[in-house]
Amino acid sequence: MEKEKSIYIKYGSRVTAGAAELLYDRILADPALSPFFIGVDMDILREHMADVLTVVVGGPDMYKGRDLVEAHADYRITRDDFLAVAVHLQAALTELQIEPADIETILAAVGETADQIINA
């Protein structure tokens, strides 16, 4: 029986850097979420998100950013904010033609970080 390929191997940078790029394009266009990113270096943030997604989808752990709790401590992030970002991530992954089952897997893994990010 052939071992199932990781999502990382299956899609490559499309599911990491591509998803991070589209995700933040969507977030920055969202009036409810864009204020969180005023004054933030978006190039660095996109790179960090691509690294986080790499880990989430079974690739190598290259993340060099701050701990998720520390990185989000200065923001009042609600469950609704977190869920809105998840909706944007789902839309970005759909646009990138990631298979629905793989999108569910990615969203479930990202959902496991909620307690580290939601702080309001």
PDB file of N, CA and C in Angstrom:
ATOM      1  N   MET A   1       0.833  -1.181   0.000  1.00  0.00           N
ATOM      2  CA  MET A   1       0.000   0.000   0.000  1.00  0.00           C
ATOM      3  C   MET A   1       0.883   1.251   0.000  1.00  0.00           C
ATOM      4  N   GLU A   2       0.624   2.147  -0.932  1.00  0.00           N
ATOM      5  CA  GLU A   2       1.422   3.362  -1.068  1.00  0.00           C
ATOM      6  C   GLU A   2       1.082   4.357   0.044  1.00  0.00           C
ATOM      7  N   LYS A   3       2.144   4.914   0.632  1.00  0.00           N
ATOM      8  CA  LYS A   3       1.933   5.908   1.675  1.00  0.00           C
ATOM      9  C   LYS A   3       1.342   7.178   1.059  1.00  0.00           C
ATOM     10  N   GLU A   4       0.347   7.737   1.722  1.00  0.00           N
ATOM     11  CA  GLU A   4      -0.304   8.947   1.224  1.00  0.00           C
ATOM     12  C   GLU A   4       0.669  10.124   1.294  1.00  0.00           C
ATOM     13  N   LYS A   5       0.717  10.898   0.229  1.00  0.00           N
ATOM     14  CA  LYS A   5       1.592  12.068   0.194  1.00  0.00           C
ATOM     15  C   LYS A   5       1.060  13.139   1.133  1.00  0.00           C
ATOM     16  N   SER A   6       1.998  13.870   1.752  1.00  0.00           N
ATOM     17  CA  SER A   6       1.569  14.989   2.585  1.00  0.00           C
ATOM     18  C   SER A   6       0.968  16.062   1.674  1.00  0.00           C
ATOM     19  N   ILE A   7       0.158  16.901   2.273  1.00  0.00           N
ATOM     20  CA  ILE A   7      -0.423  18.013   1.519  1.00  0.00           C
ATOM     21  C   ILE A   7       0.701  18.895   0.988  1.00  0.00           C
ATOM     22  N   TYR A   8       1.767  19.013   1.751  1.00  0.00           N
ATOM     23  CA  TYR A   8       2.930  19.815   1.339  1.00  0.00           C
ATOM     24  C   TYR A   8       3.525  19.271   0.040  1.00  0.00           C
ATOM     25  N   ILE A   9       3.726  17.973  -0.033  1.00  0.00           N
ATOM     26  CA  ILE A   9       4.289  17.349  -1.245  1.00  0.00           C
ATOM     27  C   ILE A   9       3.293  17.435  -2.398  1.00  0.00           C
ATOM     28  N   LYS A  10       2.035  17.258  -2.098  1.00  0.00           N
ATOM     29  CA  LYS A  10       0.985  17.231  -3.111  1.00  0.00           C
ATOM     30  C   LYS A  10       0.859  18.564  -3.855  1.00  0.00           C
ATOM     31  N   TYR A  11       0.969  19.686  -3.108  1.00  0.00           N
ATOM     32  CA  TYR A  11       0.713  20.999  -3.714  1.00  0.00           C
ATOM     33  C   TYR A  11       1.927  21.929  -3.760  1.00  0.00           C
ATOM     34  N   GLY A  12       2.937  21.664  -2.978  1.00  0.00           N
ATOM     35  CA  GLY A  12       4.119  22.513  -2.966  1.00  0.00           C
ATOM     36  C   GLY A  12       3.824  23.931  -2.497  1.00  0.00           C
ATOM     37  N   SER A  13       4.512  24.889  -3.087  1.00  0.00           N
ATOM     38  CA  SER A  13       4.421  26.281  -2.627  1.00  0.00           C
ATOM     39  C   SER A  13       3.052  26.903  -2.875  1.00  0.00           C
ATOM     40  N   ARG A  14       2.235  26.268  -3.691  1.00  0.00           N
ATOM     41  CA  ARG A  14       0.885  26.797  -3.927  1.00  0.00           C
ATOM     42  C   ARG A  14       0.110  26.838  -2.607  1.00  0.00           C
ATOM     43  N   VAL A  15       0.271  25.805  -1.776  1.00  0.00           N
ATOM     44  CA  VAL A  15      -0.492  25.718  -0.530  1.00  0.00           C
ATOM     45  C   VAL A  15       0.201  26.452   0.622  1.00  0.00           C
ATOM     46  N   THR A  16       1.396  26.960   0.405  1.00  0.00           N
ATOM     47  CA  THR A  16       2.115  27.678   1.459  1.00  0.00           C
ATOM     48  C   THR A  16       2.225  29.153   1.085  1.00  0.00           C
ATOM     49  N   ALA A  17       3.192  29.482   0.254  1.00  0.00           N
ATOM     50  CA  ALA A  17       3.387  30.889  -0.133  1.00  0.00           C
ATOM     51  C   ALA A  17       2.193  31.426  -0.910  1.00  0.00           C
ATOM     52  N   GLY A  18       1.639  30.622  -1.787  1.00  0.00           N
ATOM     53  CA  GLY A  18       0.479  31.067  -2.568  1.00  0.00           C
ATOM     54  C   GLY A  18      -0.713  31.348  -1.682  1.00  0.00           C
ATOM     55  N   ALA A  19      -0.971  30.458  -0.741  1.00  0.00           N
ATOM     56  CA  ALA A  19      -2.094  30.652   0.170  1.00  0.00           C
ATOM     57  C   ALA A  19      -1.871  31.855   1.076  1.00  0.00           C
ATOM     58  N   ALA A  20      -0.646  32.033   1.559  1.00  0.00           N
ATOM     59  CA  ALA A  20      -0.343  33.184   2.424  1.00  0.00           C
ATOM     60  C   ALA A  20      -0.562  34.492   1.667  1.00  0.00           C
ATOM     61  N   GLU A  21      -0.143  34.530   0.430  1.00  0.00           N
ATOM     62  CA  GLU A  21      -0.310  35.738  -0.394  1.00  0.00           C
ATOM     63  C   GLU A  21      -1.783  36.083  -0.578  1.00  0.00           C
ATOM     64  N   LEU A  22      -2.562  35.099  -1.025  1.00  0.00           N
ATOM     65  CA  LEU A  22      -3.995  35.331  -1.245  1.00  0.00           C
ATOM     66  C   LEU A  22      -4.729  35.620   0.061  1.00  0.00           C
ATOM     67  N   LEU A  23      -4.343  34.928   1.127  1.00  0.00           N
ATOM     68  CA  LEU A  23      -4.988  35.145   2.419  1.00  0.00           C
ATOM     69  C   LEU A  23      -4.859  36.600   2.847  1.00  0.00           C
ATOM     70  N   TYR A  24      -3.656  37.133   2.803  1.00  0.00           N
ATOM     71  CA  TYR A  24      -3.476  38.515   3.262  1.00  0.00           C
ATOM     72  C   TYR A  24      -4.047  39.531   2.277  1.00  0.00           C
ATOM     73  N   ASP A  25      -4.100  39.204   0.999  1.00  0.00           N
ATOM     74  CA  ASP A  25      -4.809  40.082   0.055  1.00  0.00           C
ATOM     75  C   ASP A  25      -6.267  40.207   0.487  1.00  0.00           C
ATOM     76  N   ARG A  26      -6.868  39.083   0.850  1.00  0.00           N
ATOM     77  CA  ARG A  26      -8.275  39.069   1.275  1.00  0.00           C
ATOM     78  C   ARG A  26      -8.463  39.787   2.614  1.00  0.00           C
ATOM     79  N   ILE A  27      -7.576  39.523   3.558  1.00  0.00           N
ATOM     80  CA  ILE A  27      -7.668  40.138   4.885  1.00  0.00           C
ATOM     81  C   ILE A  27      -7.532  41.660   4.786  1.00  0.00           C
ATOM     82  N   LEU A  28      -6.575  42.112   3.990  1.00  0.00           N
ATOM     83  CA  LEU A  28      -6.356  43.558   3.860  1.00  0.00           C
ATOM     84  C   LEU A  28      -7.515  44.256   3.172  1.00  0.00           C
ATOM     85  N   ALA A  29      -8.294  43.518   2.396  1.00  0.00           N
ATOM     86  CA  ALA A  29      -9.477  44.085   1.744  1.00  0.00           C
ATOM     87  C   ALA A  29     -10.718  44.012   2.636  1.00  0.00           C
ATOM     88  N   ASP A  30     -10.592  43.383   3.799  1.00  0.00           N
ATOM     89  CA  ASP A  30     -11.710  43.205   4.724  1.00  0.00           C
ATOM     90  C   ASP A  30     -11.690  44.337   5.753  1.00  0.00           C
ATOM     91  N   PRO A  31     -12.689  45.224   5.729  1.00  0.00           N
ATOM     92  CA  PRO A  31     -12.686  46.366   6.643  1.00  0.00           C
ATOM     93  C   PRO A  31     -12.699  45.984   8.127  1.00  0.00           C
ATOM     94  N   ALA A  32     -13.194  44.820   8.446  1.00  0.00           N
ATOM     95  CA  ALA A  32     -13.216  44.386   9.849  1.00  0.00           C
ATOM     96  C   ALA A  32     -11.854  43.892  10.323  1.00  0.00           C
ATOM     97  N   LEU A  33     -11.036  43.367   9.405  1.00  0.00           N
ATOM     98  CA  LEU A  33      -9.750  42.788   9.783  1.00  0.00           C
ATOM     99  C   LEU A  33      -8.551  43.670   9.445  1.00  0.00           C
ATOM    100  N   SER A  34      -8.658  44.474   8.405  1.00  0.00           N
ATOM    101  CA  SER A  34      -7.499  45.257   7.962  1.00  0.00           C
ATOM    102  C   SER A  34      -6.912  46.163   9.040  1.00  0.00           C
ATOM    103  N   PRO A  35      -7.709  46.710   9.983  1.00  0.00           N
ATOM    104  CA  PRO A  35      -7.096  47.565  11.015  1.00  0.00           C
ATOM    105  C   PRO A  35      -6.057  46.845  11.883  1.00  0.00           C
ATOM    106  N   PHE A  36      -6.144  45.534  12.000  1.00  0.00           N
ATOM    107  CA  PHE A  36      -5.143  44.791  12.766  1.00  0.00           C
ATOM    108  C   PHE A  36      -3.748  44.905  12.147  1.00  0.00           C
ATOM    109  N   PHE A  37      -3.681  45.268  10.876  1.00  0.00           N
ATOM    110  CA  PHE A  37      -2.417  45.187  10.147  1.00  0.00           C
ATOM    111  C   PHE A  37      -1.821  46.546   9.792  1.00  0.00           C
ATOM    112  N   ILE A  38      -2.368  47.600  10.365  1.00  0.00           N
ATOM    113  CA  ILE A  38      -1.816  48.941  10.143  1.00  0.00           C
ATOM    114  C   ILE A  38      -0.413  48.977  10.741  1.00  0.00           C
ATOM    115  N   GLY A  39       0.536  49.378   9.929  1.00  0.00           N
ATOM    116  CA  GLY A  39       1.916  49.486  10.386  1.00  0.00           C
ATOM    117  C   GLY A  39       2.676  48.176  10.453  1.00  0.00           C
ATOM    118  N   VAL A  40       2.071  47.091   9.991  1.00  0.00           N
ATOM    119  CA  VAL A  40       2.720  45.778  10.013  1.00  0.00           C
ATOM    120  C   VAL A  40       3.464  45.564   8.700  1.00  0.00           C
ATOM    121  N   ASP A  41       4.668  45.017   8.772  1.00  0.00           N
ATOM    122  CA  ASP A  41       5.442  44.679   7.570  1.00  0.00           C
ATOM    123  C   ASP A  41       4.802  43.429   6.956  1.00  0.00           C
ATOM    124  N   MET A  42       4.005  43.644   5.938  1.00  0.00           N
ATOM    125  CA  MET A  42       3.232  42.548   5.360  1.00  0.00           C
ATOM    126  C   MET A  42       4.110  41.527   4.643  1.00  0.00           C
ATOM    127  N   ASP A  43       5.238  41.939   4.092  1.00  0.00           N
ATOM    128  CA  ASP A  43       6.119  40.970   3.436  1.00  0.00           C
ATOM    129  C   ASP A  43       6.626  39.940   4.446  1.00  0.00           C
ATOM    130  N   ILE A  44       7.028  40.433   5.613  1.00  0.00           N
ATOM    131  CA  ILE A  44       7.501  39.521   6.659  1.00  0.00           C
ATOM    132  C   ILE A  44       6.349  38.654   7.161  1.00  0.00           C
ATOM    133  N   LEU A  45       5.194  39.262   7.344  1.00  0.00           N
ATOM    134  CA  LEU A  45       4.044  38.507   7.834  1.00  0.00           C
ATOM    135  C   LEU A  45       3.634  37.418   6.842  1.00  0.00           C
ATOM    136  N   ARG A  46       3.641  37.733   5.561  1.00  0.00           N
ATOM    137  CA  ARG A  46       3.309  36.722   4.542  1.00  0.00           C
ATOM    138  C   ARG A  46       4.311  35.569   4.588  1.00  0.00           C
ATOM    139  N   GLU A  47       5.577  35.910   4.791  1.00  0.00           N
ATOM    140  CA  GLU A  47       6.608  34.883   4.880  1.00  0.00           C
ATOM    141  C   GLU A  47       6.389  33.997   6.113  1.00  0.00           C
ATOM    142  N   HIS A  48       6.079  34.626   7.250  1.00  0.00           N
ATOM    143  CA  HIS A  48       5.803  33.854   8.460  1.00  0.00           C
ATOM    144  C   HIS A  48       4.599  32.932   8.261  1.00  0.00           C
ATOM    145  N   MET A  49       3.537  33.456   7.647  1.00  0.00           N
ATOM    146  CA  MET A  49       2.346  32.633   7.424  1.00  0.00           C
ATOM    147  C   MET A  49       2.662  31.471   6.476  1.00  0.00           C
ATOM    148  N   ALA A  50       3.448  31.720   5.448  1.00  0.00           N
ATOM    149  CA  ALA A  50       3.844  30.635   4.547  1.00  0.00           C
ATOM    150  C   ALA A  50       4.607  29.562   5.320  1.00  0.00           C
ATOM    151  N   ASP A  51       5.467  29.985   6.253  1.00  0.00           N
ATOM    152  CA  ASP A  51       6.222  29.023   7.060  1.00  0.00           C
ATOM    153  C   ASP A  51       5.301  28.246   7.998  1.00  0.00           C
ATOM    154  N   VAL A  52       4.326  28.929   8.599  1.00  0.00           N
ATOM    155  CA  VAL A  52       3.356  28.253   9.466  1.00  0.00           C
ATOM    156  C   VAL A  52       2.563  27.230   8.649  1.00  0.00           C
ATOM    157  N   LEU A  53       2.099  27.645   7.477  1.00  0.00           N
ATOM    158  CA  LEU A  53       1.335  26.724   6.633  1.00  0.00           C
ATOM    159  C   LEU A  53       2.182  25.541   6.191  1.00  0.00           C
ATOM    160  N   THR A  54       3.472  25.761   5.973  1.00  0.00           N
ATOM    161  CA  THR A  54       4.373  24.667   5.603  1.00  0.00           C
ATOM    162  C   THR A  54       4.361  23.591   6.682  1.00  0.00           C
ATOM    163  N   VAL A  55       4.438  24.012   7.931  1.00  0.00           N
ATOM    164  CA  VAL A  55       4.406  23.061   9.052  1.00  0.00           C
ATOM    165  C   VAL A  55       3.044  22.371   9.109  1.00  0.00           C
ATOM    166  N   VAL A  56       1.974  23.160   8.983  1.00  0.00           N
ATOM    167  CA  VAL A  56       0.607  22.645   9.087  1.00  0.00           C
ATOM    168  C   VAL A  56       0.335  21.557   8.046  1.00  0.00           C
ATOM    169  N   VAL A  57       0.897  21.714   6.849  1.00  0.00           N
ATOM    170  CA  VAL A  57       0.597  20.769   5.765  1.00  0.00           C
ATOM    171  C   VAL A  57       1.648  19.667   5.611  1.00  0.00           C
ATOM    172  N   GLY A  58       2.518  19.534   6.612  1.00  0.00           N
ATOM    173  CA  GLY A  58       3.438  18.401   6.620  1.00  0.00           C
ATOM    174  C   GLY A  58       4.797  18.648   6.021  1.00  0.00           C
ATOM    175  N   GLY A  59       5.166  19.905   5.838  1.00  0.00           N
ATOM    176  CA  GLY A  59       6.489  20.229   5.329  1.00  0.00           C
ATOM    177  C   GLY A  59       7.469  20.454   6.462  1.00  0.00           C
ATOM    178  N   PRO A  60       8.687  20.852   6.108  1.00  0.00           N
ATOM    179  CA  PRO A  60       9.705  21.083   7.142  1.00  0.00           C
ATOM    180  C   PRO A  60       9.373  22.296   8.007  1.00  0.00           C
ATOM    181  N   ASP A  61       9.787  22.251   9.261  1.00  0.00           N
ATOM    182  CA  ASP A  61       9.538  23.340  10.194  1.00  0.00           C
ATOM    183  C   ASP A  61      10.606  24.410   9.997  1.00  0.00           C
ATOM    184  N   MET A  62      10.252  25.437   9.234  1.00  0.00           N
ATOM    185  CA  MET A  62      11.174  26.536   8.944  1.00  0.00           C
ATOM    186  C   MET A  62      10.733  27.821   9.635  1.00  0.00           C
ATOM    187  N   TYR A  63       9.706  27.744  10.468  1.00  0.00           N
ATOM    188  CA  TYR A  63       9.151  28.929  11.105  1.00  0.00           C
ATOM    189  C   TYR A  63      10.149  29.533  12.082  1.00  0.00           C
ATOM    190  N   LYS A  64      10.449  30.811  11.891  1.00  0.00           N
ATOM    191  CA  LYS A  64      11.404  31.517  12.736  1.00  0.00           C
ATOM    192  C   LYS A  64      10.756  32.711  13.438  1.00  0.00           C
ATOM    193  N   GLY A  65       9.444  32.813  13.339  1.00  0.00           N
ATOM    194  CA  GLY A  65       8.732  33.925  13.958  1.00  0.00           C
ATOM    195  C   GLY A  65       8.541  33.708  15.448  1.00  0.00           C
ATOM    196  N   ARG A  66       7.879  34.684  16.061  1.00  0.00           N
ATOM    197  CA  ARG A  66       7.611  34.601  17.495  1.00  0.00           C
ATOM    198  C   ARG A  66       6.574  33.522  17.787  1.00  0.00           C
ATOM    199  N   ASP A  67       6.544  33.111  19.027  1.00  0.00           N
ATOM    200  CA  ASP A  67       5.510  32.229  19.531  1.00  0.00           C
ATOM    201  C   ASP A  67       4.157  32.858  19.207  1.00  0.00           C
ATOM    202  N   LEU A  68       3.173  32.041  18.841  1.00  0.00           N
ATOM    203  CA  LEU A  68       1.872  32.569  18.423  1.00  0.00           C
ATOM    204  C   LEU A  68       1.188  33.392  19.520  1.00  0.00           C
ATOM    205  N   VAL A  69       1.297  32.977  20.768  1.00  0.00           N
ATOM    206  CA  VAL A  69       0.693  33.743  21.861  1.00  0.00           C
ATOM    207  C   VAL A  69       1.339  35.122  21.942  1.00  0.00           C
ATOM    208  N   GLU A  70       2.660  35.155  21.926  1.00  0.00           N
ATOM    209  CA  GLU A  70       3.401  36.418  21.998  1.00  0.00           C
ATOM    210  C   GLU A  70       3.100  37.306  20.791  1.00  0.00           C
ATOM    211  N   ALA A  71       3.069  36.722  19.614  1.00  0.00           N
ATOM    212  CA  ALA A  71       2.852  37.488  18.389  1.00  0.00           C
ATOM    213  C   ALA A  71       1.492  38.169  18.351  1.00  0.00           C
ATOM    214  N   HIS A  72       0.504  37.598  19.026  1.00  0.00           N
ATOM    215  CA  HIS A  72      -0.853  38.145  18.982  1.00  0.00           C
ATOM    216  C   HIS A  72      -1.266  38.851  20.274  1.00  0.00           C
ATOM    217  N   ALA A  73      -0.372  38.912  21.245  1.00  0.00           N
ATOM    218  CA  ALA A  73      -0.702  39.448  22.572  1.00  0.00           C
ATOM    219  C   ALA A  73      -1.137  40.909  22.552  1.00  0.00           C
ATOM    220  N   ASP A  74      -0.614  41.703  21.642  1.00  0.00           N
ATOM    221  CA  ASP A  74      -0.925  43.132  21.610  1.00  0.00           C
ATOM    222  C   ASP A  74      -2.235  43.452  20.888  1.00  0.00           C
ATOM    223  N   TYR A  75      -2.921  42.441  20.407  1.00  0.00           N
ATOM    224  CA  TYR A  75      -4.162  42.633  19.664  1.00  0.00           C
ATOM    225  C   TYR A  75      -5.314  42.023  20.450  1.00  0.00           C
ATOM    226  N   ARG A  76      -6.467  42.612  20.330  1.00  0.00           N
ATOM    227  CA  ARG A  76      -7.671  42.057  20.973  1.00  0.00           C
ATOM    228  C   ARG A  76      -8.408  41.235  19.906  1.00  0.00           C
ATOM    229  N   ILE A  77      -8.021  39.977  19.802  1.00  0.00           N
ATOM    230  CA  ILE A  77      -8.548  39.096  18.762  1.00  0.00           C
ATOM    231  C   ILE A  77      -9.666  38.249  19.360  1.00  0.00           C
ATOM    232  N   THR A  78     -10.833  38.380  18.774  1.00  0.00           N
ATOM    233  CA  THR A  78     -12.001  37.634  19.229  1.00  0.00           C
ATOM    234  C   THR A  78     -12.145  36.337  18.430  1.00  0.00           C
ATOM    235  N   ARG A  79     -13.024  35.475  18.896  1.00  0.00           N
ATOM    236  CA  ARG A  79     -13.328  34.248  18.147  1.00  0.00           C
ATOM    237  C   ARG A  79     -13.874  34.603  16.761  1.00  0.00           C
ATOM    238  N   ASP A  80     -14.702  35.654  16.690  1.00  0.00           N
ATOM    239  CA  ASP A  80     -15.244  36.082  15.391  1.00  0.00           C
ATOM    240  C   ASP A  80     -14.130  36.527  14.443  1.00  0.00           C
ATOM    241  N   ASP A  81     -13.119  37.236  14.973  1.00  0.00           N
ATOM    242  CA  ASP A  81     -11.974  37.644  14.146  1.00  0.00           C
ATOM    243  C   ASP A  81     -11.254  36.406  13.616  1.00  0.00           C
ATOM    244  N   PHE A  82     -11.005  35.452  14.500  1.00  0.00           N
ATOM    245  CA  PHE A  82     -10.313  34.226  14.121  1.00  0.00           C
ATOM    246  C   PHE A  82     -11.096  33.482  13.046  1.00  0.00           C
ATOM    247  N   LEU A  83     -12.412  33.372  13.243  1.00  0.00           N
ATOM    248  CA  LEU A  83     -13.250  32.671  12.270  1.00  0.00           C
ATOM    249  C   LEU A  83     -13.289  33.403  10.930  1.00  0.00           C
ATOM    250  N   ALA A  84     -13.263  34.741  10.961  1.00  0.00           N
ATOM    251  CA  ALA A  84     -13.243  35.512   9.709  1.00  0.00           C
ATOM    252  C   ALA A  84     -11.963  35.233   8.925  1.00  0.00           C
ATOM    253  N   VAL A  85     -10.847  35.117   9.628  1.00  0.00           N
ATOM    254  CA  VAL A  85      -9.583  34.781   8.951  1.00  0.00           C
ATOM    255  C   VAL A  85      -9.677  33.370   8.370  1.00  0.00           C
ATOM    256  N   ALA A  86     -10.284  32.452   9.104  1.00  0.00           N
ATOM    257  CA  ALA A  86     -10.447  31.085   8.605  1.00  0.00           C
ATOM    258  C   ALA A  86     -11.284  31.052   7.330  1.00  0.00           C
ATOM    259  N   VAL A  87     -12.324  31.883   7.277  1.00  0.00           N
ATOM    260  CA  VAL A  87     -13.153  31.969   6.065  1.00  0.00           C
ATOM    261  C   VAL A  87     -12.306  32.464   4.890  1.00  0.00           C
ATOM    262  N   HIS A  88     -11.472  33.458   5.140  1.00  0.00           N
ATOM    263  CA  HIS A  88     -10.590  33.964   4.080  1.00  0.00           C
ATOM    264  C   HIS A  88      -9.575  32.906   3.655  1.00  0.00           C
ATOM    265  N   LEU A  89      -9.063  32.146   4.619  1.00  0.00           N
ATOM    266  CA  LEU A  89      -8.119  31.077   4.279  1.00  0.00           C
ATOM    267  C   LEU A  89      -8.811  30.018   3.426  1.00  0.00           C
ATOM    268  N   GLN A  90     -10.020  29.640   3.811  1.00  0.00           N
ATOM    269  CA  GLN A  90     -10.765  28.661   3.021  1.00  0.00           C
ATOM    270  C   GLN A  90     -10.982  29.168   1.595  1.00  0.00           C
ATOM    271  N   ALA A  91     -11.332  30.437   1.447  1.00  0.00           N
ATOM    272  CA  ALA A  91     -11.544  31.016   0.113  1.00  0.00           C
ATOM    273  C   ALA A  91     -10.240  31.039  -0.688  1.00  0.00           C
ATOM    274  N   ALA A  92      -9.143  31.377  -0.029  1.00  0.00           N
ATOM    275  CA  ALA A  92      -7.845  31.405  -0.722  1.00  0.00           C
ATOM    276  C   ALA A  92      -7.464  30.005  -1.196  1.00  0.00           C
ATOM    277  N   LEU A  93      -7.641  29.011  -0.339  1.00  0.00           N
ATOM    278  CA  LEU A  93      -7.308  27.630  -0.712  1.00  0.00           C
ATOM    279  C   LEU A  93      -8.218  27.124  -1.829  1.00  0.00           C
ATOM    280  N   THR A  94      -9.473  27.519  -1.792  1.00  0.00           N
ATOM    281  CA  THR A  94     -10.407  27.145  -2.857  1.00  0.00           C
ATOM    282  C   THR A  94      -9.968  27.772  -4.174  1.00  0.00           C
ATOM    283  N   GLU A  95      -9.602  29.044  -4.120  1.00  0.00           N
ATOM    284  CA  GLU A  95      -9.134  29.733  -5.329  1.00  0.00           C
ATOM    285  C   GLU A  95      -7.891  29.060  -5.907  1.00  0.00           C
ATOM    286  N   LEU A  96      -7.057  28.507  -5.036  1.00  0.00           N
ATOM    287  CA  LEU A  96      -5.836  27.822  -5.479  1.00  0.00           C
ATOM    288  C   LEU A  96      -6.097  26.384  -5.929  1.00  0.00           C
ATOM    289  N   GLN A  97      -7.368  25.996  -5.930  1.00  0.00           N
ATOM    290  CA  GLN A  97      -7.809  24.666  -6.376  1.00  0.00           C
ATOM    291  C   GLN A  97      -7.250  23.533  -5.529  1.00  0.00           C
ATOM    292  N   ILE A  98      -7.169  23.793  -4.217  1.00  0.00           N
ATOM    293  CA  ILE A  98      -6.821  22.738  -3.281  1.00  0.00           C
ATOM    294  C   ILE A  98      -8.077  21.883  -3.098  1.00  0.00           C
ATOM    295  N   GLU A  99      -7.914  20.585  -3.044  1.00  0.00           N
ATOM    296  CA  GLU A  99      -9.062  19.686  -2.932  1.00  0.00           C
ATOM    297  C   GLU A  99      -9.811  19.934  -1.616  1.00  0.00           C
ATOM    298  N   PRO A 100     -11.141  19.848  -1.650  1.00  0.00           N
ATOM    299  CA  PRO A 100     -11.945  20.122  -0.449  1.00  0.00           C
ATOM    300  C   PRO A 100     -11.521  19.334   0.794  1.00  0.00           C
ATOM    301  N   ALA A 101     -11.190  18.062   0.650  1.00  0.00           N
ATOM    302  CA  ALA A 101     -10.771  17.267   1.815  1.00  0.00           C
ATOM    303  C   ALA A 101      -9.476  17.817   2.406  1.00  0.00           C
ATOM    304  N   ASP A 102      -8.577  18.281   1.548  1.00  0.00           N
ATOM    305  CA  ASP A 102      -7.317  18.853   2.027  1.00  0.00           C
ATOM    306  C   ASP A 102      -7.561  20.212   2.688  1.00  0.00           C
ATOM    307  N   ILE A 103      -8.500  20.977   2.162  1.00  0.00           N
ATOM    308  CA  ILE A 103      -8.863  22.252   2.794  1.00  0.00           C
ATOM    309  C   ILE A 103      -9.388  21.982   4.202  1.00  0.00           C
ATOM    310  N   GLU A 104     -10.238  20.978   4.354  1.00  0.00           N
ATOM    311  CA  GLU A 104     -10.768  20.627   5.683  1.00  0.00           C
ATOM    312  C   GLU A 104      -9.642  20.265   6.637  1.00  0.00           C
ATOM    313  N   THR A 105      -8.669  19.509   6.165  1.00  0.00           N
ATOM    314  CA  THR A 105      -7.523  19.112   6.986  1.00  0.00           C
ATOM    315  C   THR A 105      -6.726  20.332   7.423  1.00  0.00           C
ATOM    316  N   ILE A 106      -6.489  21.248   6.488  1.00  0.00           N
ATOM    317  CA  ILE A 106      -5.722  22.463   6.786  1.00  0.00           C
ATOM    318  C   ILE A 106      -6.485  23.331   7.788  1.00  0.00           C
ATOM    319  N   LEU A 107      -7.771  23.532   7.553  1.00  0.00           N
ATOM    320  CA  LEU A 107      -8.563  24.369   8.462  1.00  0.00           C
ATOM    321  C   LEU A 107      -8.639  23.748   9.854  1.00  0.00           C
ATOM    322  N   ALA A 108      -8.722  22.447   9.943  1.00  0.00           N
ATOM    323  CA  ALA A 108      -8.738  21.785  11.248  1.00  0.00           C
ATOM    324  C   ALA A 108      -7.420  22.015  11.984  1.00  0.00           C
ATOM    325  N   ALA A 109      -6.310  21.905  11.267  1.00  0.00           N
ATOM    326  CA  ALA A 109      -4.997  22.126  11.885  1.00  0.00           C
ATOM    327  C   ALA A 109      -4.829  23.573  12.329  1.00  0.00           C
ATOM    328  N   VAL A 110      -5.256  24.496  11.494  1.00  0.00           N
ATOM    329  CA  VAL A 110      -5.188  25.916  11.854  1.00  0.00           C
ATOM    330  C   VAL A 110      -6.111  26.189  13.040  1.00  0.00           C
ATOM    331  N   GLY A 111      -7.265  25.543  13.053  1.00  0.00           N
ATOM    332  CA  GLY A 111      -8.202  25.714  14.150  1.00  0.00           C
ATOM    333  C   GLY A 111      -7.619  25.327  15.499  1.00  0.00           C
ATOM    334  N   GLU A 112      -6.669  24.414  15.491  1.00  0.00           N
ATOM    335  CA  GLU A 112      -6.013  23.999  16.733  1.00  0.00           C
ATOM    336  C   GLU A 112      -5.174  25.111  17.355  1.00  0.00           C
ATOM    337  N   THR A 113      -4.902  26.163  16.604  1.00  0.00           N
ATOM    338  CA  THR A 113      -4.118  27.285  17.129  1.00  0.00           C
ATOM    339  C   THR A 113      -4.995  28.358  17.765  1.00  0.00           C
ATOM    340  N   ALA A 114      -6.298  28.186  17.725  1.00  0.00           N
ATOM    341  CA  ALA A 114      -7.228  29.225  18.195  1.00  0.00           C
ATOM    342  C   ALA A 114      -6.914  29.692  19.608  1.00  0.00           C
ATOM    343  N   ASP A 115      -6.650  28.770  20.521  1.00  0.00           N
ATOM    344  CA  ASP A 115      -6.399  29.146  21.911  1.00  0.00           C
ATOM    345  C   ASP A 115      -5.125  29.963  22.076  1.00  0.00           C
ATOM    346  N   GLN A 116      -4.222  29.887  21.110  1.00  0.00           N
ATOM    347  CA  GLN A 116      -2.992  30.663  21.163  1.00  0.00           C
ATOM    348  C   GLN A 116      -3.168  32.061  20.575  1.00  0.00           C
ATOM    349  N   ILE A 117      -4.223  32.259  19.823  1.00  0.00           N
ATOM    350  CA  ILE A 117      -4.422  33.518  19.095  1.00  0.00           C
ATOM    351  C   ILE A 117      -5.559  34.350  19.665  1.00  0.00           C
ATOM    352  N   ILE A 118      -6.679  33.713  19.999  1.00  0.00           N
ATOM    353  CA  ILE A 118      -7.839  34.440  20.534  1.00  0.00           C
ATOM    354  C   ILE A 118      -7.509  34.885  21.949  1.00  0.00           C
ATOM    355  N   ASN A 119      -7.661  36.185  22.186  1.00  0.00           N
ATOM    356  CA  ASN A 119      -7.302  36.708  23.501  1.00  0.00           C
ATOM    357  C   ASN A 119      -8.275  37.783  24.003  1.00  0.00           C
ATOM    358  N   ALA A 120      -9.432  37.894  23.366  1.00  0.00           N
ATOM    359  CA  ALA A 120     -10.418  38.904  23.804  1.00  0.00           C
ATOM    360  C   ALA A 120     -11.794  38.277  23.893  1.00  0.00           C
TER     361      ALA A 120
END
